[in-house]
Amino acid sequence: MSFLSGKNILLGISGGIAAYKSAELLRLLVKQGANVRVCMTASAQEFITPLTMQALSGNPVHTTLLDPQAELGMGHIELARWAEVILIAPATANTLARLTWGIADDLLSTVCLASTARLIIAPAMNQQMWKNVATQHNVHTLKERGVTVLGPAEGVQACGDTGFGRMLEPADIVR
């Protein structure tokens, strides 16, 4: 039996080209027996659709902070309480900054701020953005707070650059 079996995992997807990998990641989490709900930022939805993630998870996908369908309009609190683990993959430089500075202006960042769940992030961004002193400061701060940082990997990026910044492969994240 997998250590993921029966775990409530909120998969957060932020907007970067690596968002397409989140579909395979979701599939692997479900295959391991995890209960997975998905929260997508607006920019993530430009790369992969909520419908894809809903089909793979079997659950509605959460996309908006002020959702009138959520119980008492407090869907972020319900998600924050439900999650045992919040896994953000891909985690963009923007998402890292929001988490570091406590900016809660979308559903994903608000849930993270309201939750006591273990937070795991898989960064994905251009190698120059990854090396930027601001990003490195944010990663250092998040690690000091107990956030688990998986990756990034080194390799050829969508823009043609080579370096660190690629999101780890889904199988490596689930391992």
N, C-alpha and C. Protein backbone atom coordinates (compact mmCIF):
# COMPACT_ATOMS: atom_id res chain seq x y z
N MET A 1 0.85 -1.19 0.00
CA MET A 1 0.00 0.00 0.00
C MET A 1 0.89 1.24 0.00
N SER A 2 0.52 2.21 -0.79
CA SER A 2 1.28 3.45 -0.92
C SER A 2 1.07 4.36 0.28
N PHE A 3 2.10 5.14 0.61
CA PHE A 3 1.96 6.12 1.69
C PHE A 3 0.96 7.21 1.31
N LEU A 4 0.63 7.32 0.03
CA LEU A 4 -0.35 8.31 -0.43
C LEU A 4 -1.79 7.81 -0.29
N SER A 5 -1.97 6.53 -0.08
CA SER A 5 -3.30 5.94 -0.03
C SER A 5 -4.15 6.59 1.06
N GLY A 6 -5.29 7.11 0.64
CA GLY A 6 -6.22 7.75 1.56
C GLY A 6 -5.89 9.17 1.95
N LYS A 7 -4.76 9.70 1.53
CA LYS A 7 -4.38 11.08 1.86
C LYS A 7 -5.22 12.07 1.07
N ASN A 8 -5.59 13.16 1.72
CA ASN A 8 -6.30 14.26 1.05
C ASN A 8 -5.27 15.25 0.53
N ILE A 9 -5.12 15.27 -0.78
CA ILE A 9 -4.11 16.13 -1.40
C ILE A 9 -4.80 17.18 -2.26
N LEU A 10 -4.47 18.43 -1.99
CA LEU A 10 -4.92 19.52 -2.86
C LEU A 10 -3.79 19.80 -3.83
N LEU A 11 -4.04 19.56 -5.11
CA LEU A 11 -3.06 19.83 -6.15
C LEU A 11 -3.29 21.24 -6.66
N GLY A 12 -2.36 22.13 -6.38
CA GLY A 12 -2.42 23.50 -6.86
C GLY A 12 -1.64 23.61 -8.15
N ILE A 13 -2.24 24.24 -9.14
CA ILE A 13 -1.58 24.40 -10.44
C ILE A 13 -1.51 25.88 -10.75
N SER A 14 -0.29 26.38 -10.91
CA SER A 14 -0.12 27.78 -11.29
C SER A 14 0.29 27.85 -12.75
N GLY A 15 0.26 29.05 -13.32
CA GLY A 15 0.35 29.22 -14.76
C GLY A 15 1.73 29.26 -15.35
N GLY A 16 2.17 28.16 -15.87
CA GLY A 16 3.40 28.07 -16.62
C GLY A 16 3.28 26.92 -17.60
N ILE A 17 4.19 26.86 -18.54
CA ILE A 17 4.12 25.83 -19.56
C ILE A 17 4.14 24.43 -18.95
N ALA A 18 4.76 24.27 -17.80
CA ALA A 18 4.81 22.95 -17.15
C ALA A 18 3.46 22.50 -16.61
N ALA A 19 2.44 23.34 -16.69
CA ALA A 19 1.11 22.95 -16.21
C ALA A 19 0.60 21.69 -16.90
N TYR A 20 1.05 21.45 -18.13
CA TYR A 20 0.60 20.24 -18.82
C TYR A 20 1.03 18.98 -18.06
N LYS A 21 2.13 19.04 -17.32
CA LYS A 21 2.61 17.89 -16.56
C LYS A 21 1.70 17.57 -15.37
N SER A 22 0.89 18.54 -14.96
CA SER A 22 0.04 18.33 -13.80
C SER A 22 -1.03 17.26 -14.05
N ALA A 23 -1.41 17.07 -15.31
CA ALA A 23 -2.39 16.02 -15.62
C ALA A 23 -1.81 14.64 -15.31
N GLU A 24 -0.59 14.40 -15.70
CA GLU A 24 0.06 13.12 -15.40
C GLU A 24 0.32 12.99 -13.90
N LEU A 25 0.70 14.08 -13.26
CA LEU A 25 0.90 14.06 -11.81
C LEU A 25 -0.39 13.67 -11.10
N LEU A 26 -1.48 14.28 -11.49
CA LEU A 26 -2.78 13.96 -10.91
C LEU A 26 -3.12 12.49 -11.10
N ARG A 27 -2.91 11.99 -12.31
CA ARG A 27 -3.19 10.59 -12.61
C ARG A 27 -2.38 9.67 -11.69
N LEU A 28 -1.11 9.98 -11.48
CA LEU A 28 -0.26 9.16 -10.62
C LEU A 28 -0.69 9.23 -9.15
N LEU A 29 -1.08 10.40 -8.69
CA LEU A 29 -1.55 10.54 -7.31
C LEU A 29 -2.80 9.70 -7.07
N VAL A 30 -3.74 9.76 -8.00
CA VAL A 30 -4.98 8.98 -7.89
C VAL A 30 -4.66 7.48 -7.95
N LYS A 31 -3.76 7.10 -8.83
CA LYS A 31 -3.36 5.69 -8.96
C LYS A 31 -2.77 5.16 -7.65
N GLN A 32 -2.10 6.03 -6.89
CA GLN A 32 -1.51 5.64 -5.61
C GLN A 32 -2.54 5.63 -4.48
N GLY A 33 -3.80 5.98 -4.78
CA GLY A 33 -4.86 5.92 -3.79
C GLY A 33 -5.16 7.22 -3.07
N ALA A 34 -4.56 8.32 -3.51
CA ALA A 34 -4.81 9.61 -2.87
C ALA A 34 -6.18 10.15 -3.27
N ASN A 35 -6.79 10.89 -2.35
CA ASN A 35 -8.00 11.66 -2.65
C ASN A 35 -7.51 13.03 -3.11
N VAL A 36 -7.76 13.37 -4.35
CA VAL A 36 -7.17 14.59 -4.90
C VAL A 36 -8.26 15.57 -5.34
N ARG A 37 -8.10 16.78 -4.89
CA ARG A 37 -8.88 17.91 -5.40
C ARG A 37 -7.89 18.85 -6.07
N VAL A 38 -8.38 19.62 -7.01
CA VAL A 38 -7.50 20.49 -7.80
C VAL A 38 -7.93 21.94 -7.65
N CYS A 39 -6.95 22.81 -7.48
CA CYS A 39 -7.15 24.26 -7.44
C CYS A 39 -6.25 24.87 -8.49
N MET A 40 -6.82 25.63 -9.42
CA MET A 40 -6.05 26.21 -10.52
C MET A 40 -6.13 27.73 -10.48
N THR A 41 -4.99 28.37 -10.74
CA THR A 41 -4.99 29.82 -10.89
C THR A 41 -5.56 30.16 -12.26
N ALA A 42 -5.90 31.42 -12.44
CA ALA A 42 -6.43 31.87 -13.74
C ALA A 42 -5.42 31.63 -14.85
N SER A 43 -4.15 31.89 -14.57
CA SER A 43 -3.15 31.70 -15.62
C SER A 43 -2.91 30.22 -15.91
N ALA A 44 -3.08 29.35 -14.93
CA ALA A 44 -2.95 27.91 -15.17
C ALA A 44 -3.98 27.44 -16.20
N GLN A 45 -5.17 28.05 -16.13
CA GLN A 45 -6.24 27.67 -17.04
C GLN A 45 -5.97 28.06 -18.49
N GLU A 46 -4.96 28.90 -18.70
CA GLU A 46 -4.54 29.25 -20.05
C GLU A 46 -3.70 28.12 -20.66
N PHE A 47 -3.15 27.26 -19.82
CA PHE A 47 -2.27 26.18 -20.28
C PHE A 47 -2.95 24.82 -20.30
N ILE A 48 -3.86 24.57 -19.36
CA ILE A 48 -4.57 23.30 -19.28
C ILE A 48 -5.96 23.58 -18.72
N THR A 49 -6.96 22.85 -19.19
CA THR A 49 -8.33 23.19 -18.80
C THR A 49 -8.76 22.52 -17.50
N PRO A 50 -9.64 23.18 -16.77
CA PRO A 50 -10.22 22.55 -15.59
C PRO A 50 -10.96 21.25 -15.93
N LEU A 51 -11.55 21.19 -17.11
CA LEU A 51 -12.28 19.98 -17.52
C LEU A 51 -11.37 18.76 -17.55
N THR A 52 -10.15 18.94 -18.04
CA THR A 52 -9.18 17.84 -18.04
C THR A 52 -8.91 17.36 -16.63
N MET A 53 -8.68 18.30 -15.73
CA MET A 53 -8.35 17.94 -14.36
C MET A 53 -9.56 17.34 -13.63
N GLN A 54 -10.75 17.80 -13.96
CA GLN A 54 -11.96 17.24 -13.37
C GLN A 54 -12.14 15.79 -13.81
N ALA A 55 -11.92 15.54 -15.10
CA ALA A 55 -12.06 14.18 -15.62
C ALA A 55 -11.08 13.22 -14.95
N LEU A 56 -9.86 13.67 -14.72
CA LEU A 56 -8.84 12.82 -14.12
C LEU A 56 -9.01 12.64 -12.61
N SER A 57 -9.53 13.66 -11.93
CA SER A 57 -9.68 13.58 -10.47
C SER A 57 -11.03 13.02 -10.04
N GLY A 58 -12.03 13.19 -10.89
CA GLY A 58 -13.38 12.79 -10.51
C GLY A 58 -14.04 13.78 -9.58
N ASN A 59 -13.43 14.95 -9.41
CA ASN A 59 -13.95 15.99 -8.52
C ASN A 59 -14.04 17.32 -9.26
N PRO A 60 -14.95 18.19 -8.83
CA PRO A 60 -14.98 19.54 -9.41
C PRO A 60 -13.64 20.24 -9.17
N VAL A 61 -13.26 21.09 -10.10
CA VAL A 61 -12.01 21.83 -9.98
C VAL A 61 -12.32 23.22 -9.42
N HIS A 62 -11.50 23.66 -8.50
CA HIS A 62 -11.70 24.95 -7.83
C HIS A 62 -10.84 26.00 -8.52
N THR A 63 -11.49 27.09 -8.95
CA THR A 63 -10.77 28.10 -9.74
C THR A 63 -10.96 29.53 -9.25
N THR A 64 -12.00 29.80 -8.49
CA THR A 64 -12.26 31.19 -8.11
C THR A 64 -12.37 31.35 -6.60
N LEU A 65 -11.85 32.45 -6.12
CA LEU A 65 -11.87 32.73 -4.69
C LEU A 65 -13.28 33.01 -4.19
N LEU A 66 -14.00 33.81 -4.92
CA LEU A 66 -15.35 34.19 -4.50
C LEU A 66 -16.36 33.36 -5.28
N ASP A 67 -16.50 32.11 -4.87
CA ASP A 67 -17.36 31.15 -5.55
C ASP A 67 -18.71 31.08 -4.86
N PRO A 68 -19.78 31.57 -5.51
CA PRO A 68 -21.09 31.53 -4.87
C PRO A 68 -21.61 30.11 -4.65
N GLN A 69 -21.03 29.12 -5.33
CA GLN A 69 -21.45 27.73 -5.16
C GLN A 69 -20.85 27.11 -3.89
N ALA A 70 -19.77 27.71 -3.39
CA ALA A 70 -19.12 27.16 -2.20
C ALA A 70 -20.00 27.40 -0.97
N GLU A 71 -19.92 26.46 -0.05
CA GLU A 71 -20.73 26.55 1.15
C GLU A 71 -20.47 27.86 1.89
N LEU A 72 -21.51 28.66 2.06
CA LEU A 72 -21.45 29.95 2.73
C LEU A 72 -20.41 30.89 2.12
N GLY A 73 -20.01 30.61 0.87
CA GLY A 73 -19.01 31.44 0.21
C GLY A 73 -17.63 31.32 0.81
N MET A 74 -17.40 30.26 1.56
CA MET A 74 -16.10 30.07 2.23
C MET A 74 -15.41 28.81 1.74
N GLY A 75 -15.39 28.63 0.43
CA GLY A 75 -14.76 27.46 -0.15
C GLY A 75 -13.29 27.34 0.19
N HIS A 76 -12.62 28.48 0.33
CA HIS A 76 -11.19 28.44 0.64
C HIS A 76 -10.94 27.85 2.03
N ILE A 77 -11.83 28.10 2.96
CA ILE A 77 -11.67 27.55 4.30
C ILE A 77 -11.95 26.05 4.28
N GLU A 78 -12.97 25.64 3.55
CA GLU A 78 -13.28 24.21 3.45
C GLU A 78 -12.11 23.46 2.83
N LEU A 79 -11.54 23.98 1.75
CA LEU A 79 -10.38 23.34 1.12
C LEU A 79 -9.18 23.32 2.06
N ALA A 80 -8.96 24.41 2.76
CA ALA A 80 -7.83 24.50 3.69
C ALA A 80 -7.95 23.46 4.80
N ARG A 81 -9.16 23.24 5.29
CA ARG A 81 -9.37 22.25 6.35
C ARG A 81 -9.30 20.82 5.82
N TRP A 82 -9.77 20.62 4.59
CA TRP A 82 -9.80 19.28 3.99
C TRP A 82 -8.41 18.74 3.71
N ALA A 83 -7.53 19.59 3.21
CA ALA A 83 -6.22 19.14 2.72
C ALA A 83 -5.29 18.70 3.85
N GLU A 84 -4.67 17.54 3.66
CA GLU A 84 -3.59 17.09 4.52
C GLU A 84 -2.25 17.52 3.93
N VAL A 85 -2.23 17.60 2.62
CA VAL A 85 -1.05 18.03 1.88
C VAL A 85 -1.51 18.97 0.78
N ILE A 86 -0.80 20.08 0.61
CA ILE A 86 -1.00 20.95 -0.55
C ILE A 86 0.26 20.83 -1.39
N LEU A 87 0.07 20.37 -2.61
CA LEU A 87 1.17 20.18 -3.55
C LEU A 87 0.97 21.15 -4.70
N ILE A 88 1.86 22.10 -4.86
CA ILE A 88 1.75 23.07 -5.96
C ILE A 88 2.77 22.70 -7.02
N ALA A 89 2.24 22.30 -8.18
CA ALA A 89 3.09 21.85 -9.28
C ALA A 89 2.38 22.14 -10.61
N PRO A 90 2.89 23.04 -11.38
CA PRO A 90 4.10 23.82 -11.18
C PRO A 90 3.86 25.00 -10.23
N ALA A 91 4.93 25.38 -9.57
CA ALA A 91 4.93 26.58 -8.74
C ALA A 91 5.78 27.63 -9.45
N THR A 92 5.14 28.65 -9.97
CA THR A 92 5.84 29.70 -10.71
C THR A 92 6.54 30.66 -9.76
N ALA A 93 7.40 31.51 -10.30
CA ALA A 93 8.07 32.53 -9.50
C ALA A 93 7.04 33.42 -8.82
N ASN A 94 5.97 33.74 -9.52
CA ASN A 94 4.91 34.56 -8.95
C ASN A 94 4.26 33.86 -7.76
N THR A 95 3.99 32.58 -7.89
CA THR A 95 3.39 31.82 -6.79
C THR A 95 4.33 31.75 -5.59
N LEU A 96 5.61 31.54 -5.85
CA LEU A 96 6.59 31.53 -4.75
C LEU A 96 6.59 32.85 -4.00
N ALA A 97 6.53 33.96 -4.74
CA ALA A 97 6.50 35.28 -4.11
C ALA A 97 5.23 35.47 -3.29
N ARG A 98 4.10 35.06 -3.82
CA ARG A 98 2.84 35.17 -3.07
C ARG A 98 2.91 34.40 -1.76
N LEU A 99 3.41 33.17 -1.84
CA LEU A 99 3.51 32.34 -0.63
C LEU A 99 4.47 32.96 0.38
N THR A 100 5.58 33.48 -0.09
CA THR A 100 6.58 34.08 0.80
C THR A 100 6.03 35.29 1.53
N TRP A 101 5.33 36.13 0.81
CA TRP A 101 4.89 37.41 1.37
C TRP A 101 3.46 37.39 1.88
N GLY A 102 2.80 36.23 1.84
CA GLY A 102 1.45 36.13 2.38
C GLY A 102 0.40 36.86 1.57
N ILE A 103 0.63 36.98 0.29
CA ILE A 103 -0.35 37.64 -0.59
C ILE A 103 -1.43 36.63 -0.93
N ALA A 104 -2.65 36.95 -0.57
CA ALA A 104 -3.77 36.03 -0.76
C ALA A 104 -4.81 36.68 -1.67
N ASP A 105 -4.46 36.79 -2.94
CA ASP A 105 -5.36 37.47 -3.88
C ASP A 105 -5.96 36.53 -4.92
N ASP A 106 -5.79 35.24 -4.74
CA ASP A 106 -6.47 34.25 -5.57
C ASP A 106 -6.78 33.05 -4.68
N LEU A 107 -7.51 32.09 -5.21
CA LEU A 107 -7.94 30.97 -4.38
C LEU A 107 -6.76 30.15 -3.86
N LEU A 108 -5.81 29.84 -4.72
CA LEU A 108 -4.69 28.99 -4.30
C LEU A 108 -3.88 29.63 -3.17
N SER A 109 -3.50 30.88 -3.32
CA SER A 109 -2.70 31.53 -2.28
C SER A 109 -3.50 31.71 -0.99
N THR A 110 -4.80 31.95 -1.11
CA THR A 110 -5.65 32.10 0.07
C THR A 110 -5.78 30.79 0.82
N VAL A 111 -5.97 29.69 0.09
CA VAL A 111 -6.04 28.38 0.74
C VAL A 111 -4.74 28.08 1.48
N CYS A 112 -3.62 28.37 0.84
CA CYS A 112 -2.32 28.12 1.49
C CYS A 112 -2.18 28.92 2.78
N LEU A 113 -2.62 30.14 2.76
CA LEU A 113 -2.53 31.00 3.94
C LEU A 113 -3.45 30.51 5.07
N ALA A 114 -4.58 29.91 4.69
CA ALA A 114 -5.58 29.48 5.67
C ALA A 114 -5.36 28.05 6.17
N SER A 115 -4.40 27.34 5.60
CA SER A 115 -4.25 25.92 5.89
C SER A 115 -3.06 25.63 6.81
N THR A 116 -3.20 24.54 7.57
CA THR A 116 -2.09 24.02 8.36
C THR A 116 -1.49 22.78 7.70
N ALA A 117 -1.94 22.46 6.50
CA ALA A 117 -1.46 21.27 5.79
C ALA A 117 0.01 21.40 5.42
N ARG A 118 0.64 20.26 5.25
CA ARG A 118 2.02 20.24 4.75
C ARG A 118 2.01 20.84 3.35
N LEU A 119 2.96 21.74 3.09
CA LEU A 119 3.06 22.40 1.79
C LEU A 119 4.29 21.90 1.05
N ILE A 120 4.05 21.42 -0.17
CA ILE A 120 5.12 20.93 -1.05
C ILE A 120 5.01 21.70 -2.35
N ILE A 121 6.14 22.21 -2.84
CA ILE A 121 6.12 22.95 -4.10
C ILE A 121 7.14 22.36 -5.07
N ALA A 122 6.76 22.38 -6.34
CA ALA A 122 7.65 21.94 -7.42
C ALA A 122 7.83 23.13 -8.36
N PRO A 123 8.90 23.91 -8.14
CA PRO A 123 9.11 25.11 -8.95
C PRO A 123 9.30 24.81 -10.44
N ALA A 124 8.84 25.75 -11.25
CA ALA A 124 9.02 25.66 -12.70
C ALA A 124 9.05 27.08 -13.26
N MET A 125 10.17 27.42 -13.89
CA MET A 125 10.31 28.76 -14.47
C MET A 125 11.57 28.79 -15.32
N ASN A 126 11.74 29.85 -16.05
CA ASN A 126 12.95 30.06 -16.84
C ASN A 126 14.17 30.06 -15.93
N GLN A 127 15.28 29.54 -16.44
CA GLN A 127 16.49 29.42 -15.63
C GLN A 127 16.97 30.75 -15.07
N GLN A 128 16.79 31.83 -15.81
CA GLN A 128 17.21 33.14 -15.32
C GLN A 128 16.31 33.60 -14.17
N MET A 129 15.02 33.31 -14.28
CA MET A 129 14.10 33.63 -13.19
C MET A 129 14.45 32.82 -11.94
N TRP A 130 14.80 31.55 -12.14
CA TRP A 130 15.17 30.70 -11.01
C TRP A 130 16.40 31.24 -10.30
N LYS A 131 17.38 31.72 -11.05
CA LYS A 131 18.63 32.22 -10.47
C LYS A 131 18.48 33.61 -9.85
N ASN A 132 17.41 34.32 -10.16
CA ASN A 132 17.23 35.68 -9.68
C ASN A 132 17.28 35.71 -8.15
N VAL A 133 17.94 36.72 -7.61
CA VAL A 133 18.12 36.83 -6.17
C VAL A 133 16.77 36.88 -5.43
N ALA A 134 15.77 37.49 -6.02
CA ALA A 134 14.46 37.56 -5.37
C ALA A 134 13.85 36.16 -5.25
N THR A 135 13.94 35.38 -6.31
CA THR A 135 13.40 34.02 -6.28
C THR A 135 14.17 33.17 -5.27
N GLN A 136 15.48 33.28 -5.27
CA GLN A 136 16.29 32.50 -4.32
C GLN A 136 15.98 32.90 -2.88
N HIS A 137 15.74 34.18 -2.65
CA HIS A 137 15.33 34.64 -1.31
C HIS A 137 14.00 34.00 -0.92
N ASN A 138 13.05 34.01 -1.85
CA ASN A 138 11.73 33.45 -1.57
C ASN A 138 11.82 31.95 -1.26
N VAL A 139 12.61 31.23 -2.05
CA VAL A 139 12.77 29.79 -1.82
C VAL A 139 13.42 29.54 -0.46
N HIS A 140 14.45 30.30 -0.14
CA HIS A 140 15.13 30.16 1.15
C HIS A 140 14.15 30.40 2.31
N THR A 141 13.35 31.45 2.18
CA THR A 141 12.37 31.77 3.23
C THR A 141 11.34 30.66 3.38
N LEU A 142 10.84 30.16 2.26
CA LEU A 142 9.85 29.08 2.32
C LEU A 142 10.44 27.83 2.96
N LYS A 143 11.66 27.49 2.62
CA LYS A 143 12.32 26.33 3.24
C LYS A 143 12.47 26.53 4.74
N GLU A 144 12.83 27.74 5.16
CA GLU A 144 12.96 28.02 6.59
C GLU A 144 11.64 27.83 7.32
N ARG A 145 10.54 28.02 6.62
CA ARG A 145 9.20 27.86 7.21
C ARG A 145 8.72 26.42 7.16
N GLY A 146 9.54 25.53 6.63
CA GLY A 146 9.17 24.12 6.60
C GLY A 146 8.53 23.65 5.31
N VAL A 147 8.51 24.49 4.30
CA VAL A 147 7.96 24.09 3.00
C VAL A 147 8.95 23.15 2.33
N THR A 148 8.45 22.06 1.76
CA THR A 148 9.28 21.13 1.02
C THR A 148 9.36 21.60 -0.43
N VAL A 149 10.58 21.75 -0.93
CA VAL A 149 10.81 22.20 -2.30
C VAL A 149 11.39 21.04 -3.10
N LEU A 150 10.67 20.61 -4.11
CA LEU A 150 11.10 19.51 -4.97
C LEU A 150 11.58 20.09 -6.30
N GLY A 151 12.89 20.03 -6.52
CA GLY A 151 13.44 20.55 -7.76
C GLY A 151 13.84 22.00 -7.59
N PRO A 152 14.02 22.65 -8.72
CA PRO A 152 13.71 22.22 -10.08
C PRO A 152 14.82 21.36 -10.68
N ALA A 153 14.52 20.80 -11.84
CA ALA A 153 15.49 19.99 -12.58
C ALA A 153 16.25 20.88 -13.56
N GLU A 154 17.34 20.34 -14.05
CA GLU A 154 18.14 21.04 -15.06
C GLU A 154 17.85 20.42 -16.42
N GLY A 155 17.84 21.26 -17.43
CA GLY A 155 17.65 20.76 -18.78
C GLY A 155 17.22 21.85 -19.73
N VAL A 156 16.84 21.43 -20.93
CA VAL A 156 16.36 22.37 -21.94
C VAL A 156 14.95 22.81 -21.56
N GLN A 157 14.72 24.11 -21.64
CA GLN A 157 13.43 24.68 -21.27
C GLN A 157 12.63 25.05 -22.51
N ALA A 158 11.35 25.30 -22.32
CA ALA A 158 10.46 25.61 -23.43
C ALA A 158 10.95 26.80 -24.26
N CYS A 159 11.61 27.74 -23.62
CA CYS A 159 12.10 28.94 -24.31
C CYS A 159 13.40 28.69 -25.08
N GLY A 160 13.97 27.50 -24.90
CA GLY A 160 15.22 27.17 -25.58
C GLY A 160 16.44 27.28 -24.69
N ASP A 161 16.32 27.93 -23.54
CA ASP A 161 17.43 28.03 -22.60
C ASP A 161 17.72 26.66 -21.98
N THR A 162 18.91 26.52 -21.46
CA THR A 162 19.28 25.32 -20.72
C THR A 162 19.74 25.74 -19.34
N GLY A 163 19.25 25.04 -18.33
CA GLY A 163 19.63 25.35 -16.96
C GLY A 163 18.60 24.83 -15.99
N PHE A 164 18.76 25.20 -14.73
CA PHE A 164 17.79 24.80 -13.71
C PHE A 164 16.53 25.64 -13.85
N GLY A 165 15.40 25.00 -13.65
CA GLY A 165 14.12 25.69 -13.74
C GLY A 165 12.99 24.79 -14.20
N ARG A 166 13.34 23.64 -14.78
CA ARG A 166 12.32 22.70 -15.24
C ARG A 166 11.63 22.04 -14.05
N MET A 167 10.31 21.89 -14.14
CA MET A 167 9.60 21.15 -13.11
C MET A 167 10.04 19.69 -13.18
N LEU A 168 10.19 19.07 -12.01
CA LEU A 168 10.51 17.65 -11.98
C LEU A 168 9.43 16.87 -12.72
N GLU A 169 9.79 15.72 -13.22
CA GLU A 169 8.82 14.85 -13.87
C GLU A 169 7.83 14.34 -12.82
N PRO A 170 6.56 14.16 -13.20
CA PRO A 170 5.55 13.71 -12.24
C PRO A 170 5.94 12.46 -11.45
N ALA A 171 6.55 11.49 -12.09
CA ALA A 171 6.95 10.27 -11.38
C ALA A 171 7.98 10.57 -10.30
N ASP A 172 8.84 11.55 -10.52
CA ASP A 172 9.84 11.93 -9.52
C ASP A 172 9.20 12.68 -8.35
N ILE A 173 8.13 13.40 -8.61
CA ILE A 173 7.42 14.12 -7.55
C ILE A 173 6.68 13.14 -6.65
N VAL A 174 6.05 12.15 -7.24
CA VAL A 174 5.26 11.17 -6.48
C VAL A 174 6.15 10.24 -5.67
N ARG A 175 7.37 10.05 -6.11
CA ARG A 175 8.30 9.14 -5.43
C ARG A 175 8.54 9.53 -4.02
